[in-house]
Protein backbone atom coordinates (compact mmCIF):
# COMPACT_ATOMS: atom_id res chain seq x y z
CA MET A 1 -6.66 -21.74 16.83
CA GLU A 2 -4.82 -18.42 16.76
CA GLY A 3 -2.67 -19.83 13.95
CA LEU A 4 -5.71 -19.93 11.65
CA ASN A 5 -5.86 -16.49 10.04
CA PRO A 6 -7.92 -16.47 6.84
CA ARG A 7 -9.12 -13.01 5.85
CA SER A 8 -12.42 -14.46 4.63
CA VAL A 9 -14.35 -17.64 5.40
CA LEU A 10 -17.57 -19.08 3.98
CA VAL A 11 -19.42 -21.87 5.76
CA THR A 12 -22.52 -23.65 4.44
CA GLY A 13 -25.32 -24.90 6.70
CA CYS A 14 -24.91 -22.38 9.52
CA ASN A 15 -28.32 -22.20 11.14
CA ARG A 16 -27.63 -25.02 13.61
CA GLY A 17 -25.19 -27.64 14.88
CA ILE A 18 -21.58 -27.68 13.75
CA GLY A 19 -22.05 -24.87 11.23
CA LEU A 20 -23.51 -22.46 13.78
CA GLU A 21 -20.82 -23.31 16.33
CA MET A 22 -18.12 -22.81 13.70
CA ILE A 23 -19.38 -19.30 12.96
CA LYS A 24 -19.53 -18.54 16.69
CA GLN A 25 -15.97 -19.68 17.41
CA LEU A 26 -14.54 -17.93 14.36
CA ALA A 27 -16.23 -14.67 15.36
CA GLU A 28 -14.98 -14.97 18.96
CA LYS A 29 -11.33 -15.36 18.01
CA SER A 30 -9.04 -12.60 19.23
CA ASN A 31 -8.19 -12.02 15.55
CA PRO A 32 -11.40 -12.98 13.69
CA PRO A 33 -11.58 -13.06 9.89
CA GLN A 34 -12.59 -9.77 8.32
CA TRP A 35 -15.45 -11.55 6.58
CA ILE A 36 -17.37 -14.56 7.93
CA PHE A 37 -20.00 -15.56 5.40
CA ALA A 38 -22.62 -17.68 7.15
CA THR A 39 -24.95 -19.34 4.67
CA CYS A 40 -28.27 -21.11 5.13
CA ARG A 41 -31.40 -21.74 3.08
CA ASP A 42 -33.79 -19.46 4.97
CA PRO A 43 -32.08 -16.58 6.84
CA GLU A 44 -35.44 -15.20 7.99
CA GLY A 45 -36.90 -18.50 9.21
CA PRO A 46 -37.52 -19.46 12.86
CA ARG A 47 -34.64 -21.96 12.88
CA THR A 48 -32.17 -19.20 12.05
CA GLN A 49 -32.81 -17.00 15.08
CA ASP A 50 -29.64 -18.10 16.88
CA LEU A 51 -27.56 -17.23 13.83
CA ARG A 52 -29.24 -13.84 13.48
CA ASN A 53 -28.57 -13.13 17.16
CA LEU A 54 -24.91 -14.02 16.68
CA ALA A 55 -24.61 -11.80 13.59
CA ALA A 56 -26.07 -8.89 15.56
CA GLN A 57 -23.18 -9.21 18.03
CA HIS A 58 -20.36 -9.53 15.48
CA GLN A 59 -19.97 -7.19 12.54
CA GLU A 60 -17.76 -9.70 10.70
CA ILE A 61 -20.67 -12.11 10.20
CA VAL A 62 -22.64 -11.70 6.98
CA ILE A 63 -25.63 -14.01 6.56
CA ILE A 64 -26.07 -15.14 2.96
CA PRO A 65 -29.14 -17.04 1.68
CA LEU A 66 -27.95 -20.20 -0.04
CA ASN A 67 -29.57 -23.43 -1.16
CA ILE A 68 -26.59 -25.56 -2.14
CA THR A 69 -28.67 -27.66 -4.56
CA ASP A 70 -30.07 -24.67 -6.49
CA PRO A 71 -27.77 -23.24 -9.20
CA SER A 72 -29.56 -19.86 -9.21
CA SER A 73 -29.21 -19.57 -5.42
CA ILE A 74 -25.51 -20.42 -5.68
CA LYS A 75 -25.01 -17.81 -8.41
CA SER A 76 -26.69 -15.14 -6.26
CA ALA A 77 -24.54 -16.08 -3.26
CA VAL A 78 -21.33 -15.80 -5.30
CA THR A 79 -22.40 -12.34 -6.47
CA MET A 80 -23.09 -11.20 -2.90
CA VAL A 81 -19.79 -12.56 -1.58
CA THR A 82 -17.82 -11.10 -4.50
CA GLU A 83 -19.30 -7.66 -3.85
CA ARG A 84 -18.39 -7.79 -0.17
CA LEU A 85 -14.83 -8.91 -0.88
CA SER A 86 -14.29 -5.90 -3.16
CA GLY A 87 -11.76 -7.45 -5.49
CA THR A 88 -10.04 -9.79 -3.02
CA GLY A 89 -10.33 -13.57 -2.88
CA LEU A 90 -12.03 -16.10 -0.60
CA HIS A 91 -9.54 -17.87 1.64
CA LEU A 92 -11.47 -20.68 3.31
CA LEU A 93 -14.55 -22.55 2.06
CA ILE A 94 -16.13 -25.04 4.46
CA ASN A 95 -18.74 -27.31 2.88
CA ASN A 96 -20.66 -28.21 6.03
CA ALA A 97 -24.31 -28.39 4.89
CA ALA A 98 -25.61 -31.96 4.70
CA VAL A 99 -28.64 -34.13 5.30
CA GLY A 100 -28.97 -37.48 7.02
CA SER A 101 -31.06 -40.42 5.88
CA THR A 102 -33.61 -42.81 7.33
CA ASN A 103 -32.41 -45.97 8.98
CA SER A 104 -34.06 -48.27 6.45
CA LYS A 105 -32.54 -51.69 5.90
CA LEU A 106 -30.88 -52.31 2.56
CA GLU A 107 -33.86 -54.11 1.05
CA PHE A 108 -36.24 -51.25 1.89
CA GLN A 109 -34.05 -48.34 0.78
CA THR A 110 -35.67 -46.19 -1.91
CA PRO A 111 -33.89 -44.80 -4.97
CA GLU A 112 -35.62 -41.47 -4.36
CA GLU A 113 -34.00 -41.00 -0.95
CA MET A 114 -30.61 -42.13 -2.26
CA ALA A 115 -30.82 -39.53 -5.04
CA GLU A 116 -31.97 -36.75 -2.71
CA VAL A 117 -29.17 -37.36 -0.18
CA TYR A 118 -26.57 -37.46 -2.98
CA LYS A 119 -27.95 -34.20 -4.33
CA THR A 120 -27.25 -32.40 -1.05
CA ASN A 121 -24.20 -34.25 0.27
CA VAL A 122 -22.19 -34.70 -2.94
CA ILE A 123 -23.52 -32.64 -5.83
CA GLY A 124 -24.09 -29.61 -3.58
CA PRO A 125 -20.48 -29.40 -2.33
CA MET A 126 -19.25 -29.98 -5.89
CA MET A 127 -21.32 -27.06 -7.24
CA ILE A 128 -20.39 -24.77 -4.34
CA SER A 129 -16.69 -25.49 -4.81
CA GLN A 130 -16.93 -24.92 -8.57
CA ALA A 131 -18.76 -21.64 -8.08
CA PHE A 132 -16.31 -20.22 -5.54
CA LEU A 133 -13.17 -21.61 -7.20
CA PRO A 134 -12.33 -18.32 -8.98
CA LEU A 135 -12.36 -16.50 -5.63
CA LEU A 136 -10.27 -19.22 -4.01
CA ARG A 137 -7.76 -19.02 -6.88
CA LYS A 138 -7.60 -15.26 -6.43
CA ALA A 139 -6.87 -15.63 -2.72
CA SER A 140 -4.10 -18.12 -3.45
CA GLN A 141 -2.54 -15.98 -6.18
CA GLU A 142 -2.55 -12.85 -4.00
CA SER A 143 -1.09 -14.55 -0.94
CA PRO A 144 2.61 -14.05 -0.15
CA LYS A 145 2.57 -17.39 1.69
CA LYS A 146 4.46 -20.32 0.15
CA GLY A 147 2.86 -23.74 -0.15
CA MET A 148 -0.67 -24.51 1.05
CA SER A 149 -2.63 -23.60 4.16
CA CYS A 150 -6.18 -22.99 5.31
CA SER A 151 -5.28 -19.34 5.89
CA LYS A 152 -4.24 -18.99 2.23
CA ALA A 153 -6.82 -20.91 0.15
CA SER A 154 -8.64 -24.09 1.10
CA ILE A 155 -11.70 -26.25 0.54
CA VAL A 156 -12.74 -28.21 3.63
CA ASN A 157 -15.43 -30.85 3.09
CA MET A 158 -17.16 -32.02 6.25
CA SER A 159 -17.52 -35.75 5.77
CA SER A 160 -18.00 -38.63 8.20
CA GLN A 161 -16.21 -41.80 9.19
CA ALA A 162 -19.53 -43.41 8.27
CA GLY A 163 -18.28 -43.02 4.70
CA SER A 164 -15.22 -45.19 5.33
CA ILE A 165 -15.46 -48.34 3.22
CA THR A 166 -12.79 -50.01 5.35
CA ASP A 167 -14.29 -49.18 8.73
CA VAL A 168 -18.10 -48.94 8.18
CA TYR A 169 -18.31 -46.78 11.30
CA LEU A 170 -21.22 -47.31 13.78
CA TRP A 171 -23.00 -49.89 11.60
CA LYS A 172 -24.78 -51.37 14.61
CA TYR A 173 -26.38 -47.99 15.30
CA GLY A 174 -27.81 -47.66 11.82
CA GLN A 175 -27.34 -48.76 8.22
CA VAL A 176 -28.25 -45.27 6.86
CA LEU A 177 -27.20 -46.41 3.41
CA PRO A 178 -27.69 -43.14 1.47
CA TYR A 179 -25.74 -41.16 4.06
CA ARG A 180 -22.83 -43.64 4.09
CA CYS A 181 -22.65 -43.83 0.30
CA SER A 182 -22.84 -40.06 -0.06
CA LYS A 183 -19.99 -39.48 2.35
CA ALA A 184 -17.84 -42.09 0.59
CA ALA A 185 -18.53 -40.19 -2.65
CA LEU A 186 -17.71 -36.86 -0.97
CA ASN A 187 -14.36 -38.32 0.09
CA MET A 188 -13.59 -39.17 -3.54
CA LEU A 189 -14.69 -35.69 -4.59
CA THR A 190 -12.16 -34.25 -2.14
CA ARG A 191 -9.38 -36.42 -3.58
CA CYS A 192 -10.25 -35.25 -7.08
CA GLN A 193 -10.39 -31.62 -5.94
CA SER A 194 -6.97 -31.92 -4.34
CA LEU A 195 -5.46 -33.12 -7.62
CA ALA A 196 -7.29 -30.57 -9.76
CA CYS A 197 -6.42 -27.65 -7.44
CA SER A 198 -2.82 -28.57 -6.67
CA GLU A 199 -1.27 -26.20 -9.23
CA ASP A 200 -3.34 -23.35 -7.78
CA GLU A 201 -2.03 -24.22 -4.29
CA ILE A 202 -5.54 -24.66 -2.91
CA LEU A 203 -5.55 -27.13 -0.02
CA CYS A 204 -8.42 -29.64 -0.14
CA VAL A 205 -9.23 -31.92 2.79
CA THR A 206 -12.13 -34.00 4.07
CA LEU A 207 -12.86 -34.13 7.81
CA HIS A 208 -14.77 -36.38 10.20
CA PRO A 209 -15.92 -34.09 13.05
CA GLY A 210 -16.62 -36.95 15.45
CA TRP A 211 -20.00 -38.29 16.52
CA VAL A 212 -21.44 -34.94 17.56
CA ILE A 213 -24.56 -34.18 19.59
CA THR A 214 -26.66 -32.31 17.02
CA ASP A 215 -30.07 -32.74 15.39
CA MET A 216 -28.40 -35.07 12.91
CA GLY A 217 -26.00 -36.80 15.32
CA GLY A 218 -28.66 -37.49 17.94
CA SER A 219 -28.56 -37.56 21.72
CA MET A 220 -26.47 -40.76 21.91
CA ALA A 221 -23.50 -39.03 20.29
CA GLU A 222 -20.20 -38.66 22.10
CA MET A 223 -19.04 -35.04 21.57
CA THR A 224 -20.48 -31.58 21.89
CA ALA A 225 -20.45 -29.27 18.89
CA GLU A 226 -18.33 -26.87 20.93
CA SER A 227 -15.53 -29.38 21.57
CA SER A 228 -15.64 -30.74 18.02
CA VAL A 229 -15.39 -27.32 16.38
CA ALA A 230 -12.63 -26.15 18.73
CA ALA A 231 -10.57 -29.19 17.73
CA ILE A 232 -11.35 -28.74 14.02
CA LEU A 233 -10.31 -25.08 13.96
CA ASN A 234 -7.12 -25.97 15.81
CA LEU A 235 -6.43 -28.69 13.24
CA LEU A 236 -7.07 -26.37 10.28
CA ALA A 237 -4.42 -24.02 11.66
CA HIS A 238 -1.79 -26.72 11.22
CA LEU A 239 -2.64 -28.27 7.84
CA SER A 240 -0.25 -27.88 4.91
CA GLU A 241 0.29 -29.28 1.41
CA LYS A 242 1.17 -32.72 2.84
CA ASP A 243 -2.41 -32.97 4.13
CA SER A 244 -4.18 -32.03 0.90
CA GLY A 245 -6.33 -34.87 -0.38
CA THR A 246 -6.44 -36.71 2.95
CA PHE A 247 -9.32 -37.98 5.12
CA LEU A 248 -8.79 -36.85 8.72
CA ASN A 249 -10.71 -36.85 11.98
CA TRP A 250 -11.06 -33.81 14.24
CA GLU A 251 -7.75 -34.63 15.93
CA GLY A 252 -5.80 -34.91 12.67
CA LYS A 253 -5.70 -38.72 12.62
CA VAL A 254 -5.69 -40.16 9.09
CA LEU A 255 -8.79 -42.32 8.55
CA PRO A 256 -9.03 -45.28 6.19
CA TRP A 257 -10.92 -44.72 2.94
């Protein structure tokens, strides 16, 4: 993990689970980023106490209010981050915020839930990436590093193997149709981002963090957030241009689309 050295990082969905653990491990590095922007919808709410406690212990952490489905909230967040960066760019954007879906069978799935899950899991990351793209470009242009890396300029989309059309991961545990379809769409978004951002040397990758014990992953899951995030940050330290546009698990294994 010591090989991952972005000057600034922004993570969405940081009040719990993988997002919270990611902020914690980044802040506890021997060489933490100068700026760790931890975003969540309600920084003052009861479910954000752990994040507030963490921020009180680490001066690098800046909590930013952000609803990834609200354009005005996104605009305000970009303004706040831009002011903090004082003319420098954003090096690493991690689109982690997501919602699950009910385990309804195909014939009972509602269009309303499908639309709502897509809004958060696909449209949200698209809008966030668009909004912060100028800062990512700036980071890439200012970097003396050749090629691509997550320390230079990168968009990391937290996906799921449940979005694999080839594998249809954990089907017997739940059909969760909106979630699966949204993650398949997020994977395509990542591929498109990698092509669109290639000339700017912004690395774009989609990651499956494993089946993690969180509110969303449930108690039957196989990995702790701590072990998942440690592996992910280690992986990010080793990614380069050859990995841009790929679908990887937490260990760096290429997953089938």
